[in-house]
PDB file of N, CA and C in Angstrom:
ATOM      1  N   MET A   1       8.855  -6.661 -32.351  1.00  0.00           N
ATOM      2  CA  MET A   1       7.761  -6.426 -31.410  1.00  0.00           C
ATOM      3  C   MET A   1       7.766  -4.951 -31.024  1.00  0.00           C
ATOM      4  N   PHE A   2       6.631  -4.322 -31.159  1.00  0.00           N
ATOM      5  CA  PHE A   2       6.476  -2.912 -30.820  1.00  0.00           C
ATOM      6  C   PHE A   2       5.796  -2.831 -29.458  1.00  0.00           C
ATOM      7  N   LEU A   3       6.407  -2.127 -28.512  1.00  0.00           N
ATOM      8  CA  LEU A   3       5.861  -1.958 -27.168  1.00  0.00           C
ATOM      9  C   LEU A   3       5.570  -0.482 -26.948  1.00  0.00           C
ATOM     10  N   THR A   4       4.373  -0.156 -26.464  1.00  0.00           N
ATOM     11  CA  THR A   4       4.028   1.231 -26.232  1.00  0.00           C
ATOM     12  C   THR A   4       3.094   1.354 -25.029  1.00  0.00           C
ATOM     13  N   ASN A   5       3.164   2.504 -24.374  1.00  0.00           N
ATOM     14  CA  ASN A   5       2.232   2.744 -23.275  1.00  0.00           C
ATOM     15  C   ASN A   5       0.963   3.445 -23.774  1.00  0.00           C
ATOM     16  N   MET A   6       0.850   3.628 -25.073  1.00  0.00           N
ATOM     17  CA  MET A   6      -0.338   4.229 -25.684  1.00  0.00           C
ATOM     18  C   MET A   6      -1.379   3.144 -25.963  1.00  0.00           C
ATOM     19  N   ASP A   7      -2.652   3.557 -26.113  1.00  0.00           N
ATOM     20  CA  ASP A   7      -3.678   2.579 -26.460  1.00  0.00           C
ATOM     21  C   ASP A   7      -3.911   2.492 -27.958  1.00  0.00           C
ATOM     22  N   HIS A   8      -3.220   3.328 -28.722  1.00  0.00           N
ATOM     23  CA  HIS A   8      -3.272   3.260 -30.179  1.00  0.00           C
ATOM     24  C   HIS A   8      -1.951   3.813 -30.721  1.00  0.00           C
ATOM     25  N   VAL A   9      -1.684   3.500 -31.973  1.00  0.00           N
ATOM     26  CA  VAL A   9      -0.464   3.975 -32.620  1.00  0.00           C
ATOM     27  C   VAL A   9      -0.886   4.737 -33.866  1.00  0.00           C
ATOM     28  N   PRO A  10      -0.541   6.019 -33.953  1.00  0.00           N
ATOM     29  CA  PRO A  10      -0.931   6.803 -35.131  1.00  0.00           C
ATOM     30  C   PRO A  10      -0.473   6.131 -36.428  1.00  0.00           C
ATOM     31  N   GLY A  11      -1.394   6.068 -37.388  1.00  0.00           N
ATOM     32  CA  GLY A  11      -1.086   5.462 -38.681  1.00  0.00           C
ATOM     33  C   GLY A  11      -1.360   3.964 -38.728  1.00  0.00           C
ATOM     34  N   TYR A  12      -1.772   3.388 -37.603  1.00  0.00           N
ATOM     35  CA  TYR A  12      -2.064   1.951 -37.537  1.00  0.00           C
ATOM     36  C   TYR A  12      -3.429   1.750 -36.898  1.00  0.00           C
ATOM     37  N   ARG A  13      -4.015   0.597 -37.183  1.00  0.00           N
ATOM     38  CA  ARG A  13      -5.265   0.239 -36.514  1.00  0.00           C
ATOM     39  C   ARG A  13      -5.093  -1.154 -35.898  1.00  0.00           C
ATOM     40  N   VAL A  14      -5.859  -1.384 -34.861  1.00  0.00           N
ATOM     41  CA  VAL A  14      -5.831  -2.687 -34.196  1.00  0.00           C
ATOM     42  C   VAL A  14      -6.692  -3.649 -34.997  1.00  0.00           C
ATOM     43  N   GLU A  15      -6.059  -4.664 -35.525  1.00  0.00           N
ATOM     44  CA  GLU A  15      -6.796  -5.691 -36.278  1.00  0.00           C
ATOM     45  C   GLU A  15      -7.382  -6.734 -35.335  1.00  0.00           C
ATOM     46  N   ARG A  16      -6.598  -7.142 -34.328  1.00  0.00           N
ATOM     47  CA  ARG A  16      -7.046  -8.142 -33.355  1.00  0.00           C
ATOM     48  C   ARG A  16      -6.436  -7.837 -31.992  1.00  0.00           C
ATOM     49  N   VAL A  17      -7.237  -8.004 -30.973  1.00  0.00           N
ATOM     50  CA  VAL A  17      -6.748  -7.949 -29.593  1.00  0.00           C
ATOM     51  C   VAL A  17      -6.621  -9.386 -29.122  1.00  0.00           C
ATOM     52  N   LEU A  18      -5.425  -9.751 -28.636  1.00  0.00           N
ATOM     53  CA  LEU A  18      -5.167 -11.146 -28.268  1.00  0.00           C
ATOM     54  C   LEU A  18      -5.222 -11.395 -26.766  1.00  0.00           C
ATOM     55  N   GLY A  19      -5.187 -10.335 -25.969  1.00  0.00           N
ATOM     56  CA  GLY A  19      -5.332 -10.517 -24.525  1.00  0.00           C
ATOM     57  C   GLY A  19      -4.179  -9.961 -23.719  1.00  0.00           C
ATOM     58  N   LEU A  20      -4.294 -10.137 -22.427  1.00  0.00           N
ATOM     59  CA  LEU A  20      -3.319  -9.649 -21.463  1.00  0.00           C
ATOM     60  C   LEU A  20      -2.028 -10.457 -21.531  1.00  0.00           C
ATOM     61  N   VAL A  21      -0.901  -9.763 -21.472  1.00  0.00           N
ATOM     62  CA  VAL A  21       0.397 -10.423 -21.374  1.00  0.00           C
ATOM     63  C   VAL A  21       1.145  -9.818 -20.182  1.00  0.00           C
ATOM     64  N   VAL A  22       1.959 -10.650 -19.533  1.00  0.00           N
ATOM     65  CA  VAL A  22       2.655 -10.248 -18.317  1.00  0.00           C
ATOM     66  C   VAL A  22       4.080 -10.782 -18.362  1.00  0.00           C
ATOM     67  N   GLY A  23       5.003  -9.985 -17.843  1.00  0.00           N
ATOM     68  CA  GLY A  23       6.368 -10.443 -17.625  1.00  0.00           C
ATOM     69  C   GLY A  23       6.776 -10.008 -16.236  1.00  0.00           C
ATOM     70  N   GLN A  24       7.501 -10.853 -15.522  1.00  0.00           N
ATOM     71  CA  GLN A  24       7.925 -10.462 -14.189  1.00  0.00           C
ATOM     72  C   GLN A  24       9.228 -11.129 -13.817  1.00  0.00           C
ATOM     73  N   THR A  25       9.905 -10.524 -12.856  1.00  0.00           N
ATOM     74  CA  THR A  25      11.119 -11.089 -12.302  1.00  0.00           C
ATOM     75  C   THR A  25      11.292 -10.545 -10.891  1.00  0.00           C
ATOM     76  N   ILE A  26      12.020 -11.279 -10.088  1.00  0.00           N
ATOM     77  CA  ILE A  26      12.378 -10.820  -8.743  1.00  0.00           C
ATOM     78  C   ILE A  26      13.891 -10.831  -8.672  1.00  0.00           C
ATOM     79  N   ARG A  27      14.457  -9.711  -8.276  1.00  0.00           N
ATOM     80  CA  ARG A  27      15.908  -9.563  -8.243  1.00  0.00           C
ATOM     81  C   ARG A  27      16.388  -9.157  -6.863  1.00  0.00           C
ATOM     82  N   ALA A  28      17.606  -9.567  -6.545  1.00  0.00           N
ATOM     83  CA  ALA A  28      18.253  -9.164  -5.294  1.00  0.00           C
ATOM     84  C   ALA A  28      19.727  -8.920  -5.575  1.00  0.00           C
ATOM     85  N   LYS A  29      20.306  -8.001  -4.845  1.00  0.00           N
ATOM     86  CA  LYS A  29      21.741  -7.739  -4.936  1.00  0.00           C
ATOM     87  C   LYS A  29      22.469  -8.594  -3.906  1.00  0.00           C
ATOM     88  N   HIS A  30      23.728  -8.941  -4.193  1.00  0.00           N
ATOM     89  CA  HIS A  30      24.482  -9.729  -3.228  1.00  0.00           C
ATOM     90  C   HIS A  30      24.889  -8.867  -2.032  1.00  0.00           C
ATOM     91  N   VAL A  31      25.275  -9.501  -0.977  1.00  0.00           N
ATOM     92  CA  VAL A  31      25.501  -8.830   0.302  1.00  0.00           C
ATOM     93  C   VAL A  31      26.560  -7.729   0.218  1.00  0.00           C
ATOM     94  N   GLY A  32      27.562  -7.891  -0.603  1.00  0.00           N
ATOM     95  CA  GLY A  32      28.600  -6.851  -0.747  1.00  0.00           C
ATOM     96  C   GLY A  32      28.019  -5.553  -1.279  1.00  0.00           C
ATOM     97  N   LYS A  33      27.187  -5.647  -2.288  1.00  0.00           N
ATOM     98  CA  LYS A  33      26.542  -4.453  -2.845  1.00  0.00           C
ATOM     99  C   LYS A  33      25.570  -3.863  -1.831  1.00  0.00           C
ATOM    100  N   ASP A  34      24.927  -4.727  -1.048  1.00  0.00           N
ATOM    101  CA  ASP A  34      23.977  -4.256  -0.053  1.00  0.00           C
ATOM    102  C   ASP A  34      24.692  -3.454   1.042  1.00  0.00           C
ATOM    103  N   ILE A  35      25.851  -3.900   1.444  1.00  0.00           N
ATOM    104  CA  ILE A  35      26.636  -3.175   2.451  1.00  0.00           C
ATOM    105  C   ILE A  35      27.072  -1.826   1.896  1.00  0.00           C
ATOM    106  N   ALA A  36      27.564  -1.817   0.654  1.00  0.00           N
ATOM    107  CA  ALA A  36      27.982  -0.559   0.017  1.00  0.00           C
ATOM    108  C   ALA A  36      26.812   0.413  -0.083  1.00  0.00           C
ATOM    109  N   ALA A  37      25.631  -0.093  -0.385  1.00  0.00           N
ATOM    110  CA  ALA A  37      24.446   0.762  -0.484  1.00  0.00           C
ATOM    111  C   ALA A  37      24.092   1.330   0.887  1.00  0.00           C
ATOM    112  N   GLY A  38      24.236   0.523   1.920  1.00  0.00           N
ATOM    113  CA  GLY A  38      23.970   0.988   3.275  1.00  0.00           C
ATOM    114  C   GLY A  38      24.890   2.127   3.666  1.00  0.00           C
ATOM    115  N   LEU A  39      26.153   2.031   3.285  1.00  0.00           N
ATOM    116  CA  LEU A  39      27.114   3.104   3.563  1.00  0.00           C
ATOM    117  C   LEU A  39      26.765   4.359   2.767  1.00  0.00           C
ATOM    118  N   LYS A  40      26.343   4.179   1.537  1.00  0.00           N
ATOM    119  CA  LYS A  40      25.979   5.310   0.680  1.00  0.00           C
ATOM    120  C   LYS A  40      24.797   6.070   1.261  1.00  0.00           C
ATOM    121  N   GLN A  41      23.887   5.367   1.943  1.00  0.00           N
ATOM    122  CA  GLN A  41      22.732   6.022   2.550  1.00  0.00           C
ATOM    123  C   GLN A  41      23.161   7.046   3.597  1.00  0.00           C
ATOM    124  N   LEU A  42      24.299   6.817   4.223  1.00  0.00           N
ATOM    125  CA  LEU A  42      24.776   7.740   5.255  1.00  0.00           C
ATOM    126  C   LEU A  42      25.183   9.085   4.674  1.00  0.00           C
ATOM    127  N   VAL A  43      25.740   9.085   3.481  1.00  0.00           N
ATOM    128  CA  VAL A  43      26.229  10.329   2.873  1.00  0.00           C
ATOM    129  C   VAL A  43      25.316  10.855   1.771  1.00  0.00           C
ATOM    130  N   GLY A  44      24.376  10.050   1.337  1.00  0.00           N
ATOM    131  CA  GLY A  44      23.446  10.471   0.296  1.00  0.00           C
ATOM    132  C   GLY A  44      23.962  10.180  -1.093  1.00  0.00           C
ATOM    133  N   GLY A  45      23.082  10.283  -2.058  1.00  0.00           N
ATOM    134  CA  GLY A  45      23.440  10.055  -3.455  1.00  0.00           C
ATOM    135  C   GLY A  45      22.752   8.833  -4.020  1.00  0.00           C
ATOM    136  N   GLU A  46      22.989   8.622  -5.295  1.00  0.00           N
ATOM    137  CA  GLU A  46      22.360   7.508  -5.997  1.00  0.00           C
ATOM    138  C   GLU A  46      22.951   6.182  -5.548  1.00  0.00           C
ATOM    139  N   LEU A  47      22.090   5.205  -5.373  1.00  0.00           N
ATOM    140  CA  LEU A  47      22.516   3.849  -5.055  1.00  0.00           C
ATOM    141  C   LEU A  47      22.644   3.095  -6.377  1.00  0.00           C
ATOM    142  N   ARG A  48      23.782   3.252  -7.021  1.00  0.00           N
ATOM    143  CA  ARG A  48      23.975   2.743  -8.383  1.00  0.00           C
ATOM    144  C   ARG A  48      23.747   1.237  -8.508  1.00  0.00           C
ATOM    145  N   GLY A  49      24.154   0.487  -7.495  1.00  0.00           N
ATOM    146  CA  GLY A  49      23.938  -0.963  -7.541  1.00  0.00           C
ATOM    147  C   GLY A  49      22.467  -1.309  -7.657  1.00  0.00           C
ATOM    148  N   TYR A  50      21.632  -0.572  -6.933  1.00  0.00           N
ATOM    149  CA  TYR A  50      20.197  -0.818  -6.993  1.00  0.00           C
ATOM    150  C   TYR A  50      19.593  -0.274  -8.288  1.00  0.00           C
ATOM    151  N   THR A  51      20.113   0.840  -8.766  1.00  0.00           N
ATOM    152  CA  THR A  51      19.653   1.370 -10.052  1.00  0.00           C
ATOM    153  C   THR A  51      19.907   0.348 -11.151  1.00  0.00           C
ATOM    154  N   GLU A  52      21.102  -0.235 -11.156  1.00  0.00           N
ATOM    155  CA  GLU A  52      21.441  -1.262 -12.144  1.00  0.00           C
ATOM    156  C   GLU A  52      20.544  -2.488 -11.992  1.00  0.00           C
ATOM    157  N   MET A  53      20.304  -2.893 -10.739  1.00  0.00           N
ATOM    158  CA  MET A  53      19.454  -4.050 -10.490  1.00  0.00           C
ATOM    159  C   MET A  53      18.053  -3.824 -11.053  1.00  0.00           C
ATOM    160  N   MET A  54      17.499  -2.639 -10.824  1.00  0.00           N
ATOM    161  CA  MET A  54      16.144  -2.360 -11.299  1.00  0.00           C
ATOM    162  C   MET A  54      16.096  -2.261 -12.821  1.00  0.00           C
ATOM    163  N   GLU A  55      17.141  -1.710 -13.425  1.00  0.00           N
ATOM    164  CA  GLU A  55      17.199  -1.648 -14.891  1.00  0.00           C
ATOM    165  C   GLU A  55      17.239  -3.054 -15.488  1.00  0.00           C
ATOM    166  N   GLU A  56      18.067  -3.918 -14.900  1.00  0.00           N
ATOM    167  CA  GLU A  56      18.139  -5.306 -15.364  1.00  0.00           C
ATOM    168  C   GLU A  56      16.783  -5.997 -15.200  1.00  0.00           C
ATOM    169  N   ALA A  57      16.128  -5.746 -14.079  1.00  0.00           N
ATOM    170  CA  ALA A  57      14.828  -6.369 -13.819  1.00  0.00           C
ATOM    171  C   ALA A  57      13.780  -5.888 -14.825  1.00  0.00           C
ATOM    172  N   ARG A  58      13.755  -4.577 -15.103  1.00  0.00           N
ATOM    173  CA  ARG A  58      12.793  -4.057 -16.088  1.00  0.00           C
ATOM    174  C   ARG A  58      13.024  -4.691 -17.454  1.00  0.00           C
ATOM    175  N   ASN A  59      14.288  -4.762 -17.871  1.00  0.00           N
ATOM    176  CA  ASN A  59      14.598  -5.346 -19.179  1.00  0.00           C
ATOM    177  C   ASN A  59      14.189  -6.810 -19.255  1.00  0.00           C
ATOM    178  N   GLU A  60      14.456  -7.563 -18.202  1.00  0.00           N
ATOM    179  CA  GLU A  60      14.081  -8.983 -18.179  1.00  0.00           C
ATOM    180  C   GLU A  60      12.561  -9.138 -18.231  1.00  0.00           C
ATOM    181  N   ALA A  61      11.848  -8.351 -17.452  1.00  0.00           N
ATOM    182  CA  ALA A  61      10.381  -8.426 -17.444  1.00  0.00           C
ATOM    183  C   ALA A  61       9.814  -8.067 -18.821  1.00  0.00           C
ATOM    184  N   LEU A  62      10.367  -7.019 -19.452  1.00  0.00           N
ATOM    185  CA  LEU A  62       9.922  -6.642 -20.797  1.00  0.00           C
ATOM    186  C   LEU A  62      10.154  -7.768 -21.795  1.00  0.00           C
ATOM    187  N   GLN A  63      11.323  -8.388 -21.733  1.00  0.00           N
ATOM    188  CA  GLN A  63      11.621  -9.494 -22.654  1.00  0.00           C
ATOM    189  C   GLN A  63      10.637 -10.638 -22.467  1.00  0.00           C
ATOM    190  N   ARG A  64      10.339 -10.966 -21.221  1.00  0.00           N
ATOM    191  CA  ARG A  64       9.407 -12.062 -20.947  1.00  0.00           C
ATOM    192  C   ARG A  64       7.998 -11.737 -21.449  1.00  0.00           C
ATOM    193  N   MET A  65       7.570 -10.492 -21.261  1.00  0.00           N
ATOM    194  CA  MET A  65       6.253 -10.089 -21.740  1.00  0.00           C
ATOM    195  C   MET A  65       6.203 -10.143 -23.272  1.00  0.00           C
ATOM    196  N   ALA A  66       7.238  -9.615 -23.925  1.00  0.00           N
ATOM    197  CA  ALA A  66       7.290  -9.612 -25.396  1.00  0.00           C
ATOM    198  C   ALA A  66       7.302 -11.036 -25.946  1.00  0.00           C
ATOM    199  N   LEU A  67       8.013 -11.936 -25.272  1.00  0.00           N
ATOM    200  CA  LEU A  67       8.043 -13.337 -25.703  1.00  0.00           C
ATOM    201  C   LEU A  67       6.657 -13.969 -25.603  1.00  0.00           C
ATOM    202  N   GLN A  68       5.947 -13.686 -24.526  1.00  0.00           N
ATOM    203  CA  GLN A  68       4.585 -14.209 -24.370  1.00  0.00           C
ATOM    204  C   GLN A  68       3.682 -13.659 -25.472  1.00  0.00           C
ATOM    205  N   ALA A  69       3.781 -12.352 -25.741  1.00  0.00           N
ATOM    206  CA  ALA A  69       2.961 -11.732 -26.783  1.00  0.00           C
ATOM    207  C   ALA A  69       3.275 -12.333 -28.149  1.00  0.00           C
ATOM    208  N   SER A  70       4.545 -12.510 -28.430  1.00  0.00           N
ATOM    209  CA  SER A  70       4.964 -13.083 -29.705  1.00  0.00           C
ATOM    210  C   SER A  70       4.420 -14.504 -29.873  1.00  0.00           C
ATOM    211  N   SER A  71       4.440 -15.282 -28.797  1.00  0.00           N
ATOM    212  CA  SER A  71       3.942 -16.664 -28.880  1.00  0.00           C
ATOM    213  C   SER A  71       2.430 -16.707 -29.133  1.00  0.00           C
ATOM    214  N   MET A  72       1.743 -15.605 -28.834  1.00  0.00           N
ATOM    215  CA  MET A  72       0.305 -15.517 -29.095  1.00  0.00           C
ATOM    216  C   MET A  72       0.020 -15.019 -30.511  1.00  0.00           C
ATOM    217  N   GLY A  73       1.060 -14.591 -31.239  1.00  0.00           N
ATOM    218  CA  GLY A  73       0.888 -14.080 -32.594  1.00  0.00           C
ATOM    219  C   GLY A  73       0.799 -12.570 -32.679  1.00  0.00           C
ATOM    220  N   ALA A  74       1.106 -11.873 -31.603  1.00  0.00           N
ATOM    221  CA  ALA A  74       1.029 -10.408 -31.579  1.00  0.00           C
ATOM    222  C   ALA A  74       2.250  -9.786 -32.248  1.00  0.00           C
ATOM    223  N   ASN A  75       2.073  -8.582 -32.769  1.00  0.00           N
ATOM    224  CA  ASN A  75       3.213  -7.810 -33.261  1.00  0.00           C
ATOM    225  C   ASN A  75       3.398  -6.531 -32.450  1.00  0.00           C
ATOM    226  N   THR A  76       2.545  -6.360 -31.421  1.00  0.00           N
ATOM    227  CA  THR A  76       2.654  -5.193 -30.553  1.00  0.00           C
ATOM    228  C   THR A  76       2.059  -5.489 -29.190  1.00  0.00           C
ATOM    229  N   VAL A  77       2.470  -4.701 -28.202  1.00  0.00           N
ATOM    230  CA  VAL A  77       1.815  -4.713 -26.892  1.00  0.00           C
ATOM    231  C   VAL A  77       1.449  -3.268 -26.585  1.00  0.00           C
ATOM    232  N   LEU A  78       0.154  -3.054 -26.379  1.00  0.00           N
ATOM    233  CA  LEU A  78      -0.383  -1.721 -26.089  1.00  0.00           C
ATOM    234  C   LEU A  78      -0.585  -1.554 -24.585  1.00  0.00           C
ATOM    235  N   ASN A  79      -0.668  -0.285 -24.146  1.00  0.00           N
ATOM    236  CA  ASN A  79      -0.943   0.039 -22.744  1.00  0.00           C
ATOM    237  C   ASN A  79       0.045  -0.610 -21.778  1.00  0.00           C
ATOM    238  N   VAL A  80       1.321  -0.599 -22.114  1.00  0.00           N
ATOM    239  CA  VAL A  80       2.344  -1.212 -21.268  1.00  0.00           C
ATOM    240  C   VAL A  80       2.468  -0.428 -19.961  1.00  0.00           C
ATOM    241  N   ARG A  81       2.435  -1.154 -18.843  1.00  0.00           N
ATOM    242  CA  ARG A  81       2.548  -0.561 -17.513  1.00  0.00           C
ATOM    243  C   ARG A  81       3.512  -1.388 -16.667  1.00  0.00           C
ATOM    244  N   PHE A  82       4.213  -0.700 -15.769  1.00  0.00           N
ATOM    245  CA  PHE A  82       5.132  -1.352 -14.839  1.00  0.00           C
ATOM    246  C   PHE A  82       4.585  -1.282 -13.427  1.00  0.00           C
ATOM    247  N   MET A  83       4.945  -2.272 -12.636  1.00  0.00           N
ATOM    248  CA  MET A  83       4.622  -2.280 -11.221  1.00  0.00           C
ATOM    249  C   MET A  83       5.827  -2.861 -10.478  1.00  0.00           C
ATOM    250  N   THR A  84       6.184  -2.260  -9.361  1.00  0.00           N
ATOM    251  CA  THR A  84       7.282  -2.796  -8.550  1.00  0.00           C
ATOM    252  C   THR A  84       6.791  -3.023  -7.129  1.00  0.00           C
ATOM    253  N   THR A  85       7.371  -4.025  -6.496  1.00  0.00           N
ATOM    254  CA  THR A  85       7.027  -4.372  -5.132  1.00  0.00           C
ATOM    255  C   THR A  85       8.282  -4.846  -4.413  1.00  0.00           C
ATOM    256  N   GLY A  86       8.460  -4.416  -3.177  1.00  0.00           N
ATOM    257  CA  GLY A  86       9.525  -4.963  -2.344  1.00  0.00           C
ATOM    258  C   GLY A  86       9.089  -6.321  -1.834  1.00  0.00           C
ATOM    259  N   VAL A  87       9.895  -7.337  -2.087  1.00  0.00           N
ATOM    260  CA  VAL A  87       9.542  -8.696  -1.696  1.00  0.00           C
ATOM    261  C   VAL A  87      10.139  -9.020  -0.329  1.00  0.00           C
ATOM    262  N   MET A  88      11.376  -8.636  -0.151  1.00  0.00           N
ATOM    263  CA  MET A  88      12.092  -8.793   1.111  1.00  0.00           C
ATOM    264  C   MET A  88      13.208  -7.762   1.115  1.00  0.00           C
ATOM    265  N   GLN A  89      13.935  -7.648   2.193  1.00  0.00           N
ATOM    266  CA  GLN A  89      15.011  -6.665   2.234  1.00  0.00           C
ATOM    267  C   GLN A  89      15.982  -6.909   1.080  1.00  0.00           C
ATOM    268  N   ALA A  90      16.255  -5.854   0.322  1.00  0.00           N
ATOM    269  CA  ALA A  90      17.208  -5.876  -0.798  1.00  0.00           C
ATOM    270  C   ALA A  90      16.743  -6.727  -1.979  1.00  0.00           C
ATOM    271  N   ALA A  91      15.446  -7.004  -2.073  1.00  0.00           N
ATOM    272  CA  ALA A  91      14.914  -7.737  -3.220  1.00  0.00           C
ATOM    273  C   ALA A  91      13.637  -7.051  -3.687  1.00  0.00           C
ATOM    274  N   ALA A  92      13.469  -7.004  -4.991  1.00  0.00           N
ATOM    275  CA  ALA A  92      12.293  -6.341  -5.549  1.00  0.00           C
ATOM    276  C   ALA A  92      11.731  -7.150  -6.711  1.00  0.00           C
ATOM    277  N   GLU A  93      10.413  -7.091  -6.831  1.00  0.00           N
ATOM    278  CA  GLU A  93       9.730  -7.692  -7.968  1.00  0.00           C
ATOM    279  C   GLU A  93       9.401  -6.570  -8.943  1.00  0.00           C
ATOM    280  N   VAL A  94       9.649  -6.834 -10.216  1.00  0.00           N
ATOM    281  CA  VAL A  94       9.219  -5.923 -11.271  1.00  0.00           C
ATOM    282  C   VAL A  94       8.275  -6.712 -12.162  1.00  0.00           C
ATOM    283  N   MET A  95       7.099  -6.148 -12.373  1.00  0.00           N
ATOM    284  CA  MET A  95       6.127  -6.774 -13.253  1.00  0.00           C
ATOM    285  C   MET A  95       5.732  -5.749 -14.312  1.00  0.00           C
ATOM    286  N   VAL A  96       5.614  -6.206 -15.536  1.00  0.00           N
ATOM    287  CA  VAL A  96       5.154  -5.356 -16.632  1.00  0.00           C
ATOM    288  C   VAL A  96       4.003  -6.085 -17.308  1.00  0.00           C
ATOM    289  N   TYR A  97       2.993  -5.321 -17.713  1.00  0.00           N
ATOM    290  CA  TYR A  97       1.839  -5.944 -18.338  1.00  0.00           C
ATOM    291  C   TYR A  97       1.272  -5.021 -19.403  1.00  0.00           C
ATOM    292  N   GLY A  98       0.519  -5.598 -20.314  1.00  0.00           N
ATOM    293  CA  GLY A  98      -0.088  -4.838 -21.387  1.00  0.00           C
ATOM    294  C   GLY A  98      -1.035  -5.708 -22.185  1.00  0.00           C
ATOM    295  N   THR A  99      -1.522  -5.161 -23.282  1.00  0.00           N
ATOM    296  CA  THR A  99      -2.474  -5.856 -24.133  1.00  0.00           C
ATOM    297  C   THR A  99      -1.796  -6.273 -25.434  1.00  0.00           C
ATOM    298  N   ALA A 100      -1.709  -7.570 -25.663  1.00  0.00           N
ATOM    299  CA  ALA A 100      -1.139  -8.096 -26.902  1.00  0.00           C
ATOM    300  C   ALA A 100      -2.132  -7.856 -28.025  1.00  0.00           C
ATOM    301  N   ALA A 101      -1.621  -7.368 -29.159  1.00  0.00           N
ATOM    302  CA  ALA A 101      -2.503  -7.064 -30.287  1.00  0.00           C
ATOM    303  C   ALA A 101      -1.752  -7.230 -31.601  1.00  0.00           C
ATOM    304  N   VAL A 102      -2.531  -7.249 -32.665  1.00  0.00           N
ATOM    305  CA  VAL A 102      -1.983  -7.233 -34.018  1.00  0.00           C
ATOM    306  C   VAL A 102      -2.356  -5.888 -34.627  1.00  0.00           C
ATOM    307  N   LEU A 103      -1.346  -5.119 -35.015  1.00  0.00           N
ATOM    308  CA  LEU A 103      -1.549  -3.829 -35.677  1.00  0.00           C
ATOM    309  C   LEU A 103      -1.293  -3.978 -37.160  1.00  0.00           C
ATOM    310  N   VAL A 104      -2.054  -3.230 -37.959  1.00  0.00           N
ATOM    311  CA  VAL A 104      -1.824  -3.143 -39.403  1.00  0.00           C
ATOM    312  C   VAL A 104      -1.882  -1.678 -39.789  1.00  0.00           C
ATOM    313  N   PRO A 105      -1.140  -1.281 -40.834  1.00  0.00           N
ATOM    314  CA  PRO A 105      -1.213   0.108 -41.277  1.00  0.00           C
ATOM    315  C   PRO A 105      -2.631   0.483 -41.663  1.00  0.00           C
ATOM    316  N   GLU A 106      -3.021   1.718 -41.337  1.00  0.00           N
ATOM    317  CA  GLU A 106      -4.348   2.198 -41.725  1.00  0.00           C
ATOM    318  C   GLU A 106      -4.478   2.142 -43.245  1.00  0.00           C
ATOM    319  N   GLY A 107      -5.661   1.808 -43.722  1.00  0.00           N
ATOM    320  CA  GLY A 107      -5.897   1.718 -45.160  1.00  0.00           C
ATOM    321  C   GLY A 107      -5.607   0.346 -45.723  1.00  0.00           C
ATOM    322  N   GLN A 108      -5.003  -0.530 -44.920  1.00  0.00           N
ATOM    323  CA  GLN A 108      -4.736  -1.879 -45.377  1.00  0.00           C
ATOM    324  C   GLN A 108      -5.940  -2.753 -45.002  1.00  0.00           C
ATOM    325  N   PRO A 109      -6.400  -3.604 -45.905  1.00  0.00           N
ATOM    326  CA  PRO A 109      -7.589  -4.440 -45.606  1.00  0.00           C
ATOM    327  C   PRO A 109      -7.347  -5.441 -44.518  1.00  0.00           C
TER     328      PRO A 109
END
């Protein structure tokens, strides 16, 4: 599965557009990590626990979107975009969406 934030891929043409696909997840860190992050805010610096949480959430959302696209018969998702929202304290939603499509090399019938 090819994922891109572009609306076209050089050397390929869109044979079929299959529609919107979405992947999402909501993640929260456990209370121990939340306390450590609170202490880190006092001295500054990266909140690594939250960075890891968001990376895991992005990867999970991407996998879910790609699975949906694949089940529709797509070999690519174009115009991939991310959106994040705070759901509650120490929890965030990550949503990714794009257009499922079938790409073929240019010049191929």
